[in-house]
């Protein structure tokens, strides 16, 4: 089972050279980290429209990742700070 959630809006993005290369943007649902994968090769050549789709997917993943990371971070309250200072 993977902790990553992929952006399925990129299912149609393919390399313009026709070799079937795909791109995947996924967010780690536990940590909020972002994974950018280029599948089946080491590089991908994108059309301007496809590049914009990938950029938008990365922006969406970054927003989701920030929300996940914020949920993990415990909030420090004023009483926590005062208790530490008194110790």
N, C-alpha and C. Protein backbone atom coordinates (compact mmCIF):
# COMPACT_ATOMS: atom_id res chain seq x y z
N UNK A 1 0.84 -1.17 0.00
CA UNK A 1 0.00 0.00 0.00
C UNK A 1 0.88 1.24 0.00
N UNK A 2 0.58 2.18 -0.84
CA UNK A 2 1.36 3.39 -0.97
C UNK A 2 0.77 4.52 -0.13
N UNK A 3 1.66 5.33 0.41
CA UNK A 3 1.21 6.50 1.16
C UNK A 3 1.05 7.71 0.24
N UNK A 4 1.30 7.52 -1.05
CA UNK A 4 1.23 8.62 -1.99
C UNK A 4 -0.11 8.64 -2.73
N UNK A 5 -0.65 9.83 -2.90
CA UNK A 5 -1.86 10.03 -3.69
C UNK A 5 -1.51 10.79 -4.95
N UNK A 6 -1.74 10.18 -6.10
CA UNK A 6 -1.40 10.79 -7.38
C UNK A 6 -2.46 11.77 -7.85
N UNK A 7 -2.03 12.71 -8.68
CA UNK A 7 -2.95 13.66 -9.32
C UNK A 7 -3.39 13.03 -10.63
N UNK A 8 -4.61 12.51 -10.66
CA UNK A 8 -5.09 11.77 -11.83
C UNK A 8 -5.42 12.66 -13.02
N UNK A 9 -5.39 13.98 -12.84
CA UNK A 9 -5.64 14.86 -13.98
C UNK A 9 -4.49 14.81 -14.99
N UNK A 10 -3.37 14.20 -14.61
CA UNK A 10 -2.22 14.10 -15.52
C UNK A 10 -2.23 12.82 -16.35
N UNK A 11 -3.28 12.05 -16.27
CA UNK A 11 -3.33 10.77 -17.00
C UNK A 11 -3.13 10.92 -18.50
N UNK A 12 -3.46 12.08 -19.05
CA UNK A 12 -3.34 12.25 -20.50
C UNK A 12 -2.04 12.94 -20.92
N UNK A 13 -1.21 13.35 -19.96
CA UNK A 13 0.06 14.03 -20.30
C UNK A 13 1.07 12.98 -20.75
N UNK A 14 1.57 13.16 -21.96
CA UNK A 14 2.56 12.24 -22.53
C UNK A 14 3.66 13.03 -23.22
N UNK A 15 4.80 12.39 -23.39
CA UNK A 15 5.94 12.96 -24.09
C UNK A 15 5.55 13.29 -25.54
N UNK A 16 5.97 14.45 -26.02
CA UNK A 16 5.60 14.86 -27.39
C UNK A 16 6.32 14.05 -28.46
N UNK A 17 7.36 13.33 -28.08
CA UNK A 17 8.09 12.53 -29.08
C UNK A 17 7.38 11.22 -29.39
N UNK A 18 6.34 10.90 -28.62
CA UNK A 18 5.56 9.70 -28.91
C UNK A 18 6.10 8.42 -28.33
N UNK A 19 7.06 8.51 -27.38
CA UNK A 19 7.63 7.29 -26.83
C UNK A 19 6.86 6.76 -25.61
N UNK A 20 5.76 7.41 -25.24
CA UNK A 20 4.91 6.91 -24.16
C UNK A 20 5.33 7.33 -22.77
N UNK A 21 6.31 8.19 -22.65
CA UNK A 21 6.75 8.65 -21.34
C UNK A 21 5.63 9.42 -20.65
N UNK A 22 5.46 9.14 -19.36
CA UNK A 22 4.41 9.78 -18.57
C UNK A 22 5.03 10.52 -17.39
N UNK A 23 4.25 11.40 -16.80
CA UNK A 23 4.67 12.12 -15.61
C UNK A 23 3.63 11.89 -14.52
N UNK A 24 4.10 11.83 -13.27
CA UNK A 24 3.21 11.64 -12.14
C UNK A 24 3.60 12.62 -11.04
N UNK A 25 2.61 13.33 -10.50
CA UNK A 25 2.80 14.19 -9.34
C UNK A 25 1.96 13.58 -8.23
N UNK A 26 2.59 13.28 -7.10
CA UNK A 26 1.89 12.64 -6.00
C UNK A 26 2.28 13.28 -4.68
N UNK A 27 1.33 13.30 -3.75
CA UNK A 27 1.57 13.84 -2.41
C UNK A 27 1.61 12.69 -1.42
N UNK A 28 2.63 12.71 -0.55
CA UNK A 28 2.68 11.72 0.53
C UNK A 28 1.61 12.11 1.54
N UNK A 29 0.64 11.25 1.72
CA UNK A 29 -0.51 11.56 2.55
C UNK A 29 -0.19 11.52 4.04
N UNK A 30 1.03 11.07 4.39
CA UNK A 30 1.44 11.04 5.79
C UNK A 30 2.30 12.25 6.17
N UNK A 31 3.18 12.66 5.24
CA UNK A 31 4.12 13.73 5.57
C UNK A 31 3.87 15.02 4.80
N UNK A 32 3.16 14.94 3.67
CA UNK A 32 2.93 16.12 2.84
C UNK A 32 4.02 16.35 1.81
N UNK A 33 5.05 15.50 1.77
CA UNK A 33 6.10 15.63 0.76
C UNK A 33 5.54 15.36 -0.63
N UNK A 34 6.16 15.96 -1.64
CA UNK A 34 5.70 15.84 -3.02
C UNK A 34 6.68 14.99 -3.81
N UNK A 35 6.14 14.05 -4.60
CA UNK A 35 6.98 13.22 -5.47
C UNK A 35 6.64 13.56 -6.92
N UNK A 36 7.65 13.91 -7.69
CA UNK A 36 7.50 14.14 -9.13
C UNK A 36 8.22 12.99 -9.82
N UNK A 37 7.47 12.17 -10.55
CA UNK A 37 8.04 11.01 -11.22
C UNK A 37 7.92 11.15 -12.72
N UNK A 38 8.97 10.77 -13.42
CA UNK A 38 8.94 10.66 -14.87
C UNK A 38 9.05 9.17 -15.15
N UNK A 39 7.98 8.62 -15.70
CA UNK A 39 7.87 7.17 -15.84
C UNK A 39 8.36 6.67 -17.19
N UNK A 40 9.08 5.58 -17.16
CA UNK A 40 9.55 4.82 -18.32
C UNK A 40 10.82 5.38 -18.94
N UNK A 41 11.39 6.46 -18.42
CA UNK A 41 12.62 7.03 -18.96
C UNK A 41 13.20 8.01 -17.95
N UNK A 42 14.28 8.69 -18.31
CA UNK A 42 14.90 9.67 -17.42
C UNK A 42 14.49 11.10 -17.73
N UNK A 43 13.83 11.32 -18.83
CA UNK A 43 13.41 12.68 -19.16
C UNK A 43 12.10 12.64 -19.93
N UNK A 44 11.47 13.78 -19.98
CA UNK A 44 10.22 13.91 -20.72
C UNK A 44 10.23 15.25 -21.45
N UNK A 45 9.77 15.25 -22.68
CA UNK A 45 9.66 16.47 -23.47
C UNK A 45 8.17 16.78 -23.57
N UNK A 46 7.78 17.94 -23.00
CA UNK A 46 6.36 18.29 -22.92
C UNK A 46 6.02 19.44 -23.84
N UNK A 47 4.80 19.43 -24.32
CA UNK A 47 4.28 20.59 -25.04
C UNK A 47 4.05 21.69 -24.01
N UNK A 48 3.94 22.94 -24.43
CA UNK A 48 3.66 24.02 -23.48
C UNK A 48 2.39 23.77 -22.67
N UNK A 49 1.35 23.26 -23.30
CA UNK A 49 0.10 22.98 -22.58
C UNK A 49 0.29 21.89 -21.53
N UNK A 50 1.01 20.83 -21.90
CA UNK A 50 1.27 19.75 -20.95
C UNK A 50 2.16 20.22 -19.80
N UNK A 51 3.14 21.06 -20.10
CA UNK A 51 4.01 21.60 -19.05
C UNK A 51 3.20 22.42 -18.06
N UNK A 52 2.23 23.18 -18.57
CA UNK A 52 1.37 23.96 -17.69
C UNK A 52 0.50 23.04 -16.81
N UNK A 53 0.03 21.93 -17.38
CA UNK A 53 -0.75 20.97 -16.59
C UNK A 53 0.09 20.41 -15.45
N UNK A 54 1.35 20.08 -15.74
CA UNK A 54 2.24 19.55 -14.70
C UNK A 54 2.50 20.62 -13.63
N UNK A 55 2.72 21.85 -14.06
CA UNK A 55 2.94 22.94 -13.11
C UNK A 55 1.73 23.12 -12.19
N UNK A 56 0.54 23.07 -12.75
CA UNK A 56 -0.67 23.21 -11.95
C UNK A 56 -0.81 22.04 -10.98
N UNK A 57 -0.45 20.84 -11.42
CA UNK A 57 -0.51 19.68 -10.53
C UNK A 57 0.47 19.84 -9.37
N UNK A 58 1.67 20.38 -9.65
CA UNK A 58 2.63 20.62 -8.57
C UNK A 58 2.12 21.66 -7.59
N UNK A 59 1.45 22.68 -8.08
CA UNK A 59 0.88 23.70 -7.19
C UNK A 59 -0.20 23.08 -6.31
N UNK A 60 -1.07 22.26 -6.90
CA UNK A 60 -2.10 21.60 -6.11
C UNK A 60 -1.48 20.69 -5.05
N UNK A 61 -0.44 19.96 -5.44
CA UNK A 61 0.24 19.06 -4.50
C UNK A 61 0.90 19.85 -3.37
N UNK A 62 1.50 20.98 -3.70
CA UNK A 62 2.13 21.81 -2.67
C UNK A 62 1.10 22.30 -1.67
N UNK A 63 -0.04 22.72 -2.15
CA UNK A 63 -1.11 23.18 -1.26
C UNK A 63 -1.59 22.05 -0.35
N UNK A 64 -1.79 20.87 -0.93
CA UNK A 64 -2.22 19.72 -0.14
C UNK A 64 -1.14 19.33 0.86
N UNK A 65 0.11 19.34 0.41
CA UNK A 65 1.22 18.98 1.29
C UNK A 65 1.34 19.92 2.48
N UNK A 66 1.14 21.21 2.25
CA UNK A 66 1.18 22.17 3.36
C UNK A 66 0.07 21.89 4.37
N UNK A 67 -1.11 21.55 3.88
CA UNK A 67 -2.22 21.23 4.80
C UNK A 67 -1.89 20.00 5.62
N UNK A 68 -1.34 18.97 4.99
CA UNK A 68 -0.98 17.74 5.69
C UNK A 68 0.10 18.02 6.73
N UNK A 69 1.13 18.76 6.34
CA UNK A 69 2.22 19.08 7.26
C UNK A 69 1.72 19.93 8.43
N UNK A 70 0.81 20.84 8.18
CA UNK A 70 0.27 21.69 9.25
C UNK A 70 -0.53 20.85 10.23
N UNK A 71 -1.23 19.84 9.74
CA UNK A 71 -2.01 18.97 10.62
C UNK A 71 -1.11 18.15 11.54
N UNK A 72 0.13 17.86 11.10
CA UNK A 72 1.08 17.07 11.89
C UNK A 72 1.76 17.89 12.97
N UNK A 73 1.93 19.19 12.74
CA UNK A 73 2.69 20.04 13.65
C UNK A 73 1.83 20.40 14.85
N UNK A 74 2.29 20.00 16.06
CA UNK A 74 1.51 20.36 17.25
C UNK A 74 1.61 21.86 17.50
N UNK A 75 0.50 22.43 17.91
CA UNK A 75 0.50 23.86 18.18
C UNK A 75 1.08 24.11 19.56
N UNK A 76 1.90 25.17 19.67
CA UNK A 76 2.46 25.57 20.96
C UNK A 76 1.55 26.64 21.53
N UNK A 77 1.06 26.38 22.72
CA UNK A 77 0.19 27.35 23.36
C UNK A 77 0.99 28.21 24.33
N UNK A 78 0.41 29.29 24.77
CA UNK A 78 1.07 30.17 25.73
C UNK A 78 1.36 29.44 27.02
N UNK A 79 0.46 28.56 27.47
CA UNK A 79 0.69 27.81 28.71
C UNK A 79 1.87 26.86 28.55
N UNK A 80 2.07 26.29 27.37
CA UNK A 80 3.22 25.41 27.13
C UNK A 80 4.51 26.20 27.28
N UNK A 81 4.54 27.41 26.74
CA UNK A 81 5.71 28.26 26.79
C UNK A 81 6.00 28.66 28.24
N UNK A 82 4.97 29.01 28.99
CA UNK A 82 5.15 29.43 30.37
C UNK A 82 5.63 28.26 31.22
N UNK A 83 5.08 27.06 31.00
CA UNK A 83 5.51 25.89 31.75
C UNK A 83 6.98 25.59 31.52
N UNK A 84 7.46 25.75 30.27
CA UNK A 84 8.86 25.51 29.94
C UNK A 84 9.76 26.53 30.63
N UNK A 85 9.32 27.77 30.69
CA UNK A 85 10.13 28.84 31.28
C UNK A 85 10.23 28.65 32.80
N UNK A 86 9.18 28.09 33.43
CA UNK A 86 9.19 27.92 34.88
C UNK A 86 10.02 26.71 35.29
N UNK A 87 10.24 25.78 34.41
CA UNK A 87 10.96 24.55 34.75
C UNK A 87 12.43 24.74 34.96
